[in-house]
Amino acid sequence: YYGQKAWSHLFGDRPVSVNIYRVVFCLLIVAG
């Protein structure tokens, strides 16, 4: 959630932008 708010501040909070962040975040969970 913290990262999503920082991402939205930098790249906007449109649904497409937020969903890109969520996908990246979850892919990094698998990478972790």
PDB file of all heavy atoms in Angstrom:
ATOM      1  N   TYR A   1       0.834  -1.209   0.000  1.00  0.00           N
ATOM      2  CA  TYR A   1       0.000   0.000   0.000  1.00  0.00           C
ATOM      3  C   TYR A   1       0.868   1.258   0.000  1.00  0.00           C
ATOM      4  O   TYR A   1       0.604   2.209  -0.755  1.00  0.00           O
ATOM      5  CB  TYR A   1      -0.911  -0.018   1.218  1.00  0.00           C
ATOM      6  CG  TYR A   1      -1.758   1.218   1.372  1.00  0.00           C
ATOM      7  CD1 TYR A   1      -2.824   1.462   0.517  1.00  0.00           C
ATOM      8  CD2 TYR A   1      -1.495   2.131   2.388  1.00  0.00           C
ATOM      9  CE1 TYR A   1      -3.617   2.606   0.662  1.00  0.00           C
ATOM     10  CE2 TYR A   1      -2.278   3.268   2.543  1.00  0.00           C
ATOM     11  CZ  TYR A   1      -3.338   3.500   1.684  1.00  0.00           C
ATOM     12  OH  TYR A   1      -4.102   4.628   1.824  1.00  0.00           O
ATOM     13  N   TYR A   2       1.923   1.273   0.817  1.00  0.00           N
ATOM     14  CA  TYR A   2       2.821   2.431   0.829  1.00  0.00           C
ATOM     15  C   TYR A   2       3.402   2.665  -0.562  1.00  0.00           C
ATOM     16  O   TYR A   2       3.457   3.797  -1.059  1.00  0.00           O
ATOM     17  CB  TYR A   2       3.979   2.204   1.815  1.00  0.00           C
ATOM     18  CG  TYR A   2       3.599   2.169   3.276  1.00  0.00           C
ATOM     19  CD1 TYR A   2       4.513   1.721   4.231  1.00  0.00           C
ATOM     20  CD2 TYR A   2       2.346   2.573   3.727  1.00  0.00           C
ATOM     21  CE1 TYR A   2       4.198   1.684   5.580  1.00  0.00           C
ATOM     22  CE2 TYR A   2       2.024   2.538   5.074  1.00  0.00           C
ATOM     23  CZ  TYR A   2       2.948   2.093   5.989  1.00  0.00           C
ATOM     24  OH  TYR A   2       2.622   2.053   7.323  1.00  0.00           O
ATOM     25  N   GLY A   3       3.874   1.584  -1.167  1.00  0.00           N
ATOM     26  CA  GLY A   3       4.466   1.702  -2.495  1.00  0.00           C
ATOM     27  C   GLY A   3       3.466   2.184  -3.524  1.00  0.00           C
ATOM     28  O   GLY A   3       3.801   2.970  -4.425  1.00  0.00           O
ATOM     29  N   GLN A   4       2.214   1.720  -3.413  1.00  0.00           N
ATOM     30  CA  GLN A   4       1.176   2.138  -4.357  1.00  0.00           C
ATOM     31  C   GLN A   4       0.930   3.644  -4.257  1.00  0.00           C
ATOM     32  O   GLN A   4       0.769   4.326  -5.280  1.00  0.00           O
ATOM     33  CB  GLN A   4      -0.117   1.376  -4.081  1.00  0.00           C
ATOM     34  CG  GLN A   4      -1.264   1.757  -5.012  1.00  0.00           C
ATOM     35  CD  GLN A   4      -2.509   0.928  -4.744  1.00  0.00           C
ATOM     36  OE1 GLN A   4      -2.449  -0.290  -4.649  1.00  0.00           O
ATOM     37  NE2 GLN A   4      -3.645   1.597  -4.614  1.00  0.00           N
ATOM     38  N   LYS A   5       0.905   4.178  -3.046  1.00  0.00           N
ATOM     39  CA  LYS A   5       0.687   5.611  -2.879  1.00  0.00           C
ATOM     40  C   LYS A   5       1.881   6.418  -3.414  1.00  0.00           C
ATOM     41  O   LYS A   5       1.700   7.498  -3.994  1.00  0.00           O
ATOM     42  CB  LYS A   5       0.437   5.939  -1.406  1.00  0.00           C
ATOM     43  CG  LYS A   5      -0.913   5.450  -0.898  1.00  0.00           C
ATOM     44  CD  LYS A   5      -2.053   6.030  -1.716  1.00  0.00           C
ATOM     45  CE  LYS A   5      -3.405   5.562  -1.249  1.00  0.00           C
ATOM     46  NZ  LYS A   5      -4.508   6.110  -2.091  1.00  0.00           N
ATOM     47  N   ALA A   6       3.089   5.903  -3.218  1.00  0.00           N
ATOM     48  CA  ALA A   6       4.263   6.582  -3.768  1.00  0.00           C
ATOM     49  C   ALA A   6       4.244   6.527  -5.294  1.00  0.00           C
ATOM     50  O   ALA A   6       4.549   7.509  -5.984  1.00  0.00           O
ATOM     51  CB  ALA A   6       5.544   5.934  -3.227  1.00  0.00           C
ATOM     52  N   TRP A   7       3.889   5.369  -5.837  1.00  0.00           N
ATOM     53  CA  TRP A   7       3.778   5.190  -7.286  1.00  0.00           C
ATOM     54  C   TRP A   7       2.731   6.158  -7.862  1.00  0.00           C
ATOM     55  O   TRP A   7       2.982   6.811  -8.892  1.00  0.00           O
ATOM     56  CB  TRP A   7       3.395   3.745  -7.583  1.00  0.00           C
ATOM     57  CG  TRP A   7       3.122   3.429  -9.028  1.00  0.00           C
ATOM     58  CD1 TRP A   7       2.011   3.745  -9.749  1.00  0.00           C
ATOM     59  CD2 TRP A   7       3.991   2.731  -9.932  1.00  0.00           C
ATOM     60  NE1 TRP A   7       2.116   3.278 -11.026  1.00  0.00           N
ATOM     61  CE2 TRP A   7       3.316   2.659 -11.183  1.00  0.00           C
ATOM     62  CE3 TRP A   7       5.245   2.145  -9.803  1.00  0.00           C
ATOM     63  CZ2 TRP A   7       3.878   2.023 -12.289  1.00  0.00           C
ATOM     64  CZ3 TRP A   7       5.798   1.508 -10.907  1.00  0.00           C
ATOM     65  CH2 TRP A   7       5.135   1.463 -12.130  1.00  0.00           C
ATOM     66  N   SER A   8       1.577   6.238  -7.223  1.00  0.00           N
ATOM     67  CA  SER A   8       0.517   7.116  -7.711  1.00  0.00           C
ATOM     68  C   SER A   8       0.941   8.578  -7.684  1.00  0.00           C
ATOM     69  O   SER A   8       0.565   9.368  -8.556  1.00  0.00           O
ATOM     70  CB  SER A   8      -0.751   6.929  -6.867  1.00  0.00           C
ATOM     71  OG  SER A   8      -1.252   5.618  -6.999  1.00  0.00           O
ATOM     72  N   HIS A   9       1.730   8.947  -6.678  1.00  0.00           N
ATOM     73  CA  HIS A   9       2.231  10.313  -6.596  1.00  0.00           C
ATOM     74  C   HIS A   9       3.169  10.619  -7.762  1.00  0.00           C
ATOM     75  O   HIS A   9       3.161  11.737  -8.296  1.00  0.00           O
ATOM     76  CB  HIS A   9       2.963  10.517  -5.274  1.00  0.00           C
ATOM     77  CG  HIS A   9       3.432  11.928  -5.059  1.00  0.00           C
ATOM     78  ND1 HIS A   9       2.587  12.951  -4.674  1.00  0.00           N
ATOM     79  CD2 HIS A   9       4.667  12.502  -5.171  1.00  0.00           C
ATOM     80  CE1 HIS A   9       3.270  14.082  -4.568  1.00  0.00           C
ATOM     81  NE2 HIS A   9       4.528  13.839  -4.860  1.00  0.00           N
ATOM     82  N   LEU A  10       3.932   9.627  -8.173  1.00  0.00           N
ATOM     83  CA  LEU A  10       4.913   9.828  -9.237  1.00  0.00           C
ATOM     84  C   LEU A  10       4.316   9.657 -10.634  1.00  0.00           C
ATOM     85  O   LEU A  10       4.662  10.392 -11.564  1.00  0.00           O
ATOM     86  CB  LEU A  10       6.077   8.844  -9.065  1.00  0.00           C
ATOM     87  CG  LEU A  10       6.942   9.021  -7.813  1.00  0.00           C
ATOM     88  CD1 LEU A  10       7.868   7.819  -7.631  1.00  0.00           C
ATOM     89  CD2 LEU A  10       7.754  10.310  -7.905  1.00  0.00           C
ATOM     90  N   PHE A  11       3.419   8.679 -10.791  1.00  0.00           N
ATOM     91  CA  PHE A  11       2.950   8.308 -12.126  1.00  0.00           C
ATOM     92  C   PHE A  11       1.445   8.468 -12.319  1.00  0.00           C
ATOM     93  O   PHE A  11       0.912   8.107 -13.370  1.00  0.00           O
ATOM     94  CB  PHE A  11       3.336   6.849 -12.424  1.00  0.00           C
ATOM     95  CG  PHE A  11       4.801   6.579 -12.290  1.00  0.00           C
ATOM     96  CD1 PHE A  11       5.283   5.768 -11.264  1.00  0.00           C
ATOM     97  CD2 PHE A  11       5.721   7.139 -13.163  1.00  0.00           C
ATOM     98  CE1 PHE A  11       6.642   5.510 -11.123  1.00  0.00           C
ATOM     99  CE2 PHE A  11       7.082   6.892 -13.034  1.00  0.00           C
ATOM    100  CZ  PHE A  11       7.550   6.080 -12.018  1.00  0.00           C
ATOM    101  N   GLY A  12       0.748   8.982 -11.330  1.00  0.00           N
ATOM    102  CA  GLY A  12      -0.687   9.172 -11.449  1.00  0.00           C
ATOM    103  C   GLY A  12      -1.456   7.999 -10.861  1.00  0.00           C
ATOM    104  O   GLY A  12      -0.929   6.890 -10.754  1.00  0.00           O
ATOM    105  N   ASP A  13      -2.712   8.247 -10.499  1.00  0.00           N
ATOM    106  CA  ASP A  13      -3.515   7.209  -9.841  1.00  0.00           C
ATOM    107  C   ASP A  13      -4.628   6.676 -10.743  1.00  0.00           C
ATOM    108  O   ASP A  13      -5.636   6.169 -10.259  1.00  0.00           O
ATOM    109  CB  ASP A  13      -4.101   7.730  -8.532  1.00  0.00           C
ATOM    110  CG  ASP A  13      -5.027   8.933  -8.754  1.00  0.00           C
ATOM    111  OD1 ASP A  13      -5.122   9.425  -9.897  1.00  0.00           O
ATOM    112  OD2 ASP A  13      -5.656   9.375  -7.769  1.00  0.00           O
ATOM    113  N   ARG A  14      -4.447   6.777 -12.061  1.00  0.00           N
ATOM    114  CA  ARG A  14      -5.416   6.165 -12.964  1.00  0.00           C
ATOM    115  C   ARG A  14      -5.390   4.653 -12.791  1.00  0.00           C
ATOM    116  O   ARG A  14      -4.348   4.079 -12.460  1.00  0.00           O
ATOM    117  CB  ARG A  14      -5.114   6.528 -14.415  1.00  0.00           C
ATOM    118  CG  ARG A  14      -5.243   8.024 -14.724  1.00  0.00           C
ATOM    119  CD  ARG A  14      -5.044   8.301 -16.209  1.00  0.00           C
ATOM    120  NE  ARG A  14      -3.784   7.754 -16.695  1.00  0.00           N
ATOM    121  CZ  ARG A  14      -2.615   8.361 -16.589  1.00  0.00           C
ATOM    122  NH1 ARG A  14      -2.548   9.547 -15.994  1.00  0.00           N
ATOM    123  NH2 ARG A  14      -1.519   7.806 -17.059  1.00  0.00           N
ATOM    124  N   PRO A  15      -6.518   3.981 -13.013  1.00  0.00           N
ATOM    125  CA  PRO A  15      -6.574   2.524 -12.810  1.00  0.00           C
ATOM    126  C   PRO A  15      -5.476   1.758 -13.539  1.00  0.00           C
ATOM    127  O   PRO A  15      -4.926   0.804 -12.981  1.00  0.00           O
ATOM    128  CB  PRO A  15      -7.962   2.159 -13.338  1.00  0.00           C
ATOM    129  CG  PRO A  15      -8.781   3.391 -13.122  1.00  0.00           C
ATOM    130  CD  PRO A  15      -7.845   4.540 -13.371  1.00  0.00           C
ATOM    131  N   VAL A  16      -5.159   2.161 -14.754  1.00  0.00           N
ATOM    132  CA  VAL A  16      -4.119   1.457 -15.515  1.00  0.00           C
ATOM    133  C   VAL A  16      -2.773   1.562 -14.800  1.00  0.00           C
ATOM    134  O   VAL A  16      -2.046   0.568 -14.656  1.00  0.00           O
ATOM    135  CB  VAL A  16      -4.005   2.033 -16.949  1.00  0.00           C
ATOM    136  CG1 VAL A  16      -2.792   1.429 -17.664  1.00  0.00           C
ATOM    137  CG2 VAL A  16      -5.275   1.745 -17.744  1.00  0.00           C
ATOM    138  N   SER A  17      -2.449   2.761 -14.339  1.00  0.00           N
ATOM    139  CA  SER A  17      -1.176   2.973 -13.650  1.00  0.00           C
ATOM    140  C   SER A  17      -1.101   2.164 -12.362  1.00  0.00           C
ATOM    141  O   SER A  17      -0.093   1.500 -12.083  1.00  0.00           O
ATOM    142  CB  SER A  17      -1.010   4.465 -13.333  1.00  0.00           C
ATOM    143  OG  SER A  17       0.158   4.696 -12.573  1.00  0.00           O
ATOM    144  N   VAL A  18      -2.185   2.196 -11.582  1.00  0.00           N
ATOM    145  CA  VAL A  18      -2.210   1.465 -10.315  1.00  0.00           C
ATOM    146  C   VAL A  18      -2.104  -0.034 -10.554  1.00  0.00           C
ATOM    147  O   VAL A  18      -1.388  -0.748  -9.829  1.00  0.00           O
ATOM    148  CB  VAL A  18      -3.491   1.803  -9.526  1.00  0.00           C
ATOM    149  CG1 VAL A  18      -3.632   0.892  -8.309  1.00  0.00           C
ATOM    150  CG2 VAL A  18      -3.477   3.261  -9.079  1.00  0.00           C
ATOM    151  N   ASN A  19      -2.782  -0.539 -11.588  1.00  0.00           N
ATOM    152  CA  ASN A  19      -2.733  -1.976 -11.878  1.00  0.00           C
ATOM    153  C   ASN A  19      -1.350  -2.421 -12.335  1.00  0.00           C
ATOM    154  O   ASN A  19      -0.915  -3.542 -12.040  1.00  0.00           O
ATOM    155  CB  ASN A  19      -3.782  -2.344 -12.923  1.00  0.00           C
ATOM    156  CG  ASN A  19      -5.194  -2.317 -12.358  1.00  0.00           C
ATOM    157  OD1 ASN A  19      -5.393  -2.526 -11.159  1.00  0.00           O
ATOM    158  ND2 ASN A  19      -6.178  -2.038 -13.202  1.00  0.00           N
ATOM    159  N   ILE A  20      -0.652  -1.549 -13.068  1.00  0.00           N
ATOM    160  CA  ILE A  20       0.725  -1.869 -13.467  1.00  0.00           C
ATOM    161  C   ILE A  20       1.590  -2.046 -12.219  1.00  0.00           C
ATOM    162  O   ILE A  20       2.381  -2.986 -12.112  1.00  0.00           O
ATOM    163  CB  ILE A  20       1.307  -0.760 -14.371  1.00  0.00           C
ATOM    164  CG1 ILE A  20       0.642  -0.797 -15.745  1.00  0.00           C
ATOM    165  CG2 ILE A  20       2.833  -0.925 -14.511  1.00  0.00           C
ATOM    166  CD1 ILE A  20       1.040   0.361 -16.643  1.00  0.00           C
ATOM    167  N   TYR A  21       1.419  -1.124 -11.257  1.00  0.00           N
ATOM    168  CA  TYR A  21       2.176  -1.245 -10.007  1.00  0.00           C
ATOM    169  C   TYR A  21       1.869  -2.557  -9.302  1.00  0.00           C
ATOM    170  O   TYR A  21       2.781  -3.247  -8.839  1.00  0.00           O
ATOM    171  CB  TYR A  21       1.860  -0.071  -9.075  1.00  0.00           C
ATOM    172  CG  TYR A  21       2.327  -0.326  -7.662  1.00  0.00           C
ATOM    173  CD1 TYR A  21       3.669  -0.166  -7.321  1.00  0.00           C
ATOM    174  CD2 TYR A  21       1.441  -0.785  -6.679  1.00  0.00           C
ATOM    175  CE1 TYR A  21       4.108  -0.439  -6.033  1.00  0.00           C
ATOM    176  CE2 TYR A  21       1.879  -1.056  -5.402  1.00  0.00           C
ATOM    177  CZ  TYR A  21       3.211  -0.885  -5.079  1.00  0.00           C
ATOM    178  OH  TYR A  21       3.654  -1.178  -3.814  1.00  0.00           O
ATOM    179  N   ARG A  22       0.603  -2.898  -9.193  1.00  0.00           N
ATOM    180  CA  ARG A  22       0.225  -4.121  -8.479  1.00  0.00           C
ATOM    181  C   ARG A  22       0.809  -5.361  -9.139  1.00  0.00           C
ATOM    182  O   ARG A  22       1.254  -6.290  -8.449  1.00  0.00           O
ATOM    183  CB  ARG A  22      -1.299  -4.222  -8.399  1.00  0.00           C
ATOM    184  CG  ARG A  22      -1.927  -3.192  -7.459  1.00  0.00           C
ATOM    185  CD  ARG A  22      -3.443  -3.183  -7.581  1.00  0.00           C
ATOM    186  NE  ARG A  22      -4.053  -2.236  -6.648  1.00  0.00           N
ATOM    187  CZ  ARG A  22      -5.315  -1.826  -6.717  1.00  0.00           C
ATOM    188  NH1 ARG A  22      -6.115  -2.301  -7.685  1.00  0.00           N
ATOM    189  NH2 ARG A  22      -5.791  -0.977  -5.841  1.00  0.00           N
ATOM    190  N   VAL A  23       0.811  -5.376 -10.468  1.00  0.00           N
ATOM    191  CA  VAL A  23       1.393  -6.521 -11.183  1.00  0.00           C
ATOM    192  C   VAL A  23       2.889  -6.612 -10.905  1.00  0.00           C
ATOM    193  O   VAL A  23       3.423  -7.691 -10.611  1.00  0.00           O
ATOM    194  CB  VAL A  23       1.125  -6.400 -12.696  1.00  0.00           C
ATOM    195  CG1 VAL A  23       1.946  -7.438 -13.467  1.00  0.00           C
ATOM    196  CG2 VAL A  23      -0.350  -6.590 -13.001  1.00  0.00           C
ATOM    197  N   VAL A  24       3.587  -5.477 -10.988  1.00  0.00           N
ATOM    198  CA  VAL A  24       5.029  -5.457 -10.724  1.00  0.00           C
ATOM    199  C   VAL A  24       5.311  -5.908  -9.296  1.00  0.00           C
ATOM    200  O   VAL A  24       6.214  -6.727  -9.044  1.00  0.00           O
ATOM    201  CB  VAL A  24       5.606  -4.041 -10.962  1.00  0.00           C
ATOM    202  CG1 VAL A  24       7.045  -3.947 -10.465  1.00  0.00           C
ATOM    203  CG2 VAL A  24       5.539  -3.682 -12.440  1.00  0.00           C
ATOM    204  N   PHE A  25       4.535  -5.400  -8.346  1.00  0.00           N
ATOM    205  CA  PHE A  25       4.748  -5.738  -6.945  1.00  0.00           C
ATOM    206  C   PHE A  25       4.569  -7.235  -6.715  1.00  0.00           C
ATOM    207  O   PHE A  25       5.380  -7.870  -6.019  1.00  0.00           O
ATOM    208  CB  PHE A  25       3.767  -4.947  -6.064  1.00  0.00           C
ATOM    209  CG  PHE A  25       4.041  -5.035  -4.595  1.00  0.00           C
ATOM    210  CD1 PHE A  25       4.978  -4.210  -3.993  1.00  0.00           C
ATOM    211  CD2 PHE A  25       3.358  -5.941  -3.793  1.00  0.00           C
ATOM    212  CE1 PHE A  25       5.239  -4.284  -2.632  1.00  0.00           C
ATOM    213  CE2 PHE A  25       3.606  -6.022  -2.432  1.00  0.00           C
ATOM    214  CZ  PHE A  25       4.550  -5.193  -1.853  1.00  0.00           C
ATOM    215  N   CYS A  26       3.522  -7.813  -7.297  1.00  0.00           N
ATOM    216  CA  CYS A  26       3.253  -9.238  -7.093  1.00  0.00           C
ATOM    217  C   CYS A  26       4.270 -10.121  -7.818  1.00  0.00           C
ATOM    218  O   CYS A  26       4.627 -11.197  -7.322  1.00  0.00           O
ATOM    219  CB  CYS A  26       1.837  -9.574  -7.536  1.00  0.00           C
ATOM    220  SG  CYS A  26       0.571  -8.863  -6.442  1.00  0.00           S
ATOM    221  N   LEU A  27       4.753  -9.677  -8.975  1.00  0.00           N
ATOM    222  CA  LEU A  27       5.811 -10.429  -9.658  1.00  0.00           C
ATOM    223  C   LEU A  27       7.085 -10.450  -8.817  1.00  0.00           C
ATOM    224  O   LEU A  27       7.809 -11.455  -8.790  1.00  0.00           O
ATOM    225  CB  LEU A  27       6.091  -9.822 -11.036  1.00  0.00           C
ATOM    226  CG  LEU A  27       5.032 -10.078 -12.115  1.00  0.00           C
ATOM    227  CD1 LEU A  27       5.400  -9.324 -13.398  1.00  0.00           C
ATOM    228  CD2 LEU A  27       4.896 -11.572 -12.406  1.00  0.00           C
ATOM    229  N   LEU A  28       7.347  -9.356  -8.125  1.00  0.00           N
ATOM    230  CA  LEU A  28       8.535  -9.312  -7.272  1.00  0.00           C
ATOM    231  C   LEU A  28       8.379 -10.212  -6.047  1.00  0.00           C
ATOM    232  O   LEU A  28       9.377 -10.663  -5.484  1.00  0.00           O
ATOM    233  CB  LEU A  28       8.832  -7.876  -6.839  1.00  0.00           C
ATOM    234  CG  LEU A  28       9.482  -7.000  -7.912  1.00  0.00           C
ATOM    235  CD1 LEU A  28       9.583  -5.552  -7.462  1.00  0.00           C
ATOM    236  CD2 LEU A  28      10.877  -7.523  -8.275  1.00  0.00           C
ATOM    237  N   ILE A  29       7.146 -10.468  -5.640  1.00  0.00           N
ATOM    238  CA  ILE A  29       6.930 -11.440  -4.564  1.00  0.00           C
ATOM    239  C   ILE A  29       7.405 -12.814  -5.013  1.00  0.00           C
ATOM    240  O   ILE A  29       8.112 -13.525  -4.278  1.00  0.00           O
ATOM    241  CB  ILE A  29       5.446 -11.497  -4.169  1.00  0.00           C
ATOM    242  CG1 ILE A  29       5.044 -10.197  -3.461  1.00  0.00           C
ATOM    243  CG2 ILE A  29       5.157 -12.691  -3.259  1.00  0.00           C
ATOM    244  CD1 ILE A  29       3.563 -10.109  -3.135  1.00  0.00           C
ATOM    245  N   VAL A  30       7.032 -13.209  -6.233  1.00  0.00           N
ATOM    246  CA  VAL A  30       7.477 -14.489  -6.779  1.00  0.00           C
ATOM    247  C   VAL A  30       8.998 -14.495  -6.914  1.00  0.00           C
ATOM    248  O   VAL A  30       9.660 -15.479  -6.572  1.00  0.00           O
ATOM    249  CB  VAL A  30       6.808 -14.761  -8.137  1.00  0.00           C
ATOM    250  CG1 VAL A  30       7.291 -16.085  -8.716  1.00  0.00           C
ATOM    251  CG2 VAL A  30       5.289 -14.773  -7.991  1.00  0.00           C
ATOM    252  N   ALA A  31       9.561 -13.376  -7.378  1.00  0.00           N
ATOM    253  CA  ALA A  31      11.018 -13.285  -7.510  1.00  0.00           C
ATOM    254  C   ALA A  31      11.702 -13.410  -6.157  1.00  0.00           C
ATOM    255  O   ALA A  31      12.772 -14.019  -6.033  1.00  0.00           O
ATOM    256  CB  ALA A  31      11.404 -11.962  -8.169  1.00  0.00           C
ATOM    257  N   GLY A  32      11.064 -12.849  -5.131  1.00  0.00           N
ATOM    258  CA  GLY A  32      11.646 -12.924  -3.793  1.00  0.00           C
ATOM    259  C   GLY A  32      11.735 -14.342  -3.274  1.00  0.00           C
ATOM    260  O   GLY A  32      12.606 -14.663  -2.454  1.00  0.00           O
TER     261      GLY A  32
END
